Amino acid sequence: MKKRHEQKLIILSMLLLLALNIPLLLLFDNAACFLGLPIIYVYVLSVWLFSIAITLLILKKYHE
């Protein structure tokens, strides 16, 4: 794997660590719902899907 791809994945990991950190999660821990789901679930799943999509883009460029 190229060094720049490794660096991008490390930066993504650090952003995920910040996005899924407890103080930030507590901002979304309330009784409000979005499409019938608690906001915290929507936030965690959105961050997770976003990270999968970005990782896929980074790794796809590596194999081309």
C-alpha atoms as a PDB file:
ATOM      1  CA  MET A   1       0.000   0.000   0.000  1.00  0.00           C
ATOM      2  CA  LYS A   2       1.275   3.446  -0.842  1.00  0.00           C
ATOM      3  CA  LYS A   3       2.315   5.752   1.946  1.00  0.00           C
ATOM      4  CA  ARG A   4      -0.297   8.392   1.091  1.00  0.00           C
ATOM      5  CA  HIS A   5      -3.096   5.808   1.317  1.00  0.00           C
ATOM      6  CA  GLU A   6      -1.827   4.702   4.710  1.00  0.00           C
ATOM      7  CA  GLN A   7      -1.759   8.322   5.844  1.00  0.00           C
ATOM      8  CA  LYS A   8      -5.346   8.867   4.682  1.00  0.00           C
ATOM      9  CA  LEU A   9      -6.514   5.787   6.578  1.00  0.00           C
ATOM     10  CA  ILE A  10      -4.698   6.927   9.722  1.00  0.00           C
ATOM     11  CA  ILE A  11      -6.349  10.359   9.479  1.00  0.00           C
ATOM     12  CA  LEU A  12      -9.733   8.671   8.981  1.00  0.00           C
ATOM     13  CA  SER A  13      -9.129   6.522  12.072  1.00  0.00           C
ATOM     14  CA  MET A  14      -8.278   9.583  14.140  1.00  0.00           C
ATOM     15  CA  LEU A  15     -11.433  11.371  12.924  1.00  0.00           C
ATOM     16  CA  LEU A  16     -13.511   8.322  13.835  1.00  0.00           C
ATOM     17  CA  LEU A  17     -11.957   8.294  17.286  1.00  0.00           C
ATOM     18  CA  LEU A  18     -13.022  11.907  17.735  1.00  0.00           C
ATOM     19  CA  ALA A  19     -16.480  11.417  16.197  1.00  0.00           C
ATOM     20  CA  LEU A  20     -17.286   8.420  18.402  1.00  0.00           C
ATOM     21  CA  ASN A  21     -15.816   9.895  21.572  1.00  0.00           C
ATOM     22  CA  ILE A  22     -18.106  10.030  24.608  1.00  0.00           C
ATOM     23  CA  PRO A  23     -18.356  13.852  24.967  1.00  0.00           C
ATOM     24  CA  LEU A  24     -19.507  14.200  21.367  1.00  0.00           C
ATOM     25  CA  LEU A  25     -21.876  11.249  21.662  1.00  0.00           C
ATOM     26  CA  LEU A  26     -23.494  12.821  24.703  1.00  0.00           C
ATOM     27  CA  LEU A  27     -24.493  15.819  22.572  1.00  0.00           C
ATOM     28  CA  PHE A  28     -26.812  13.512  20.615  1.00  0.00           C
ATOM     29  CA  ASP A  29     -28.146  11.599  23.619  1.00  0.00           C
ATOM     30  CA  ASN A  30     -31.622  13.079  23.959  1.00  0.00           C
ATOM     31  CA  ALA A  31     -35.220  11.975  23.572  1.00  0.00           C
ATOM     32  CA  ALA A  32     -35.633  13.354  20.047  1.00  0.00           C
ATOM     33  CA  CYS A  33     -36.251  10.942  17.188  1.00  0.00           C
ATOM     34  CA  PHE A  34     -35.520  11.029  13.479  1.00  0.00           C
ATOM     35  CA  LEU A  35     -37.679   8.719  11.342  1.00  0.00           C
ATOM     36  CA  GLY A  36     -38.628   6.862  14.510  1.00  0.00           C
ATOM     37  CA  LEU A  37     -35.037   6.216  15.596  1.00  0.00           C
ATOM     38  CA  PRO A  38     -33.259   7.917  18.479  1.00  0.00           C
ATOM     39  CA  ILE A  39     -30.843  10.620  17.300  1.00  0.00           C
ATOM     40  CA  ILE A  40     -27.831   8.893  18.852  1.00  0.00           C
ATOM     41  CA  TYR A  41     -28.471   5.753  16.762  1.00  0.00           C
ATOM     42  CA  VAL A  42     -28.801   7.833  13.602  1.00  0.00           C
ATOM     43  CA  TYR A  43     -25.548   9.667  14.417  1.00  0.00           C
ATOM     44  CA  VAL A  44     -23.521   6.516  15.180  1.00  0.00           C
ATOM     45  CA  LEU A  45     -24.795   4.654  12.123  1.00  0.00           C
ATOM     46  CA  SER A  46     -24.216   7.681   9.876  1.00  0.00           C
ATOM     47  CA  VAL A  47     -20.631   8.052  11.073  1.00  0.00           C
ATOM     48  CA  TRP A  48     -20.079   4.332  10.615  1.00  0.00           C
ATOM     49  CA  LEU A  49     -21.485   4.273   7.061  1.00  0.00           C
ATOM     50  CA  PHE A  50     -19.552   7.430   6.157  1.00  0.00           C
ATOM     51  CA  SER A  51     -16.306   5.812   7.351  1.00  0.00           C
ATOM     52  CA  ILE A  52     -16.994   2.665   5.323  1.00  0.00           C
ATOM     53  CA  ALA A  53     -17.658   4.734   2.197  1.00  0.00           C
ATOM     54  CA  ILE A  54     -14.488   6.816   2.620  1.00  0.00           C
ATOM     55  CA  THR A  55     -12.406   3.696   3.284  1.00  0.00           C
ATOM     56  CA  LEU A  56     -13.838   2.082   0.168  1.00  0.00           C
ATOM     57  CA  LEU A  57     -12.914   5.135  -1.916  1.00  0.00           C
ATOM     58  CA  ILE A  58      -9.365   5.195  -0.550  1.00  0.00           C
ATOM     59  CA  LEU A  59      -8.794   1.466  -1.096  1.00  0.00           C
ATOM     60  CA  LYS A  60     -10.430   1.480  -4.517  1.00  0.00           C
ATOM     61  CA  LYS A  61      -7.952   4.100  -5.712  1.00  0.00           C
ATOM     62  CA  TYR A  62      -5.141   1.891  -4.409  1.00  0.00           C
ATOM     63  CA  HIS A  63      -6.144  -1.100  -6.556  1.00  0.00           C
ATOM     64  CA  GLU A  64      -6.473   0.905  -9.786  1.00  0.00           C
END
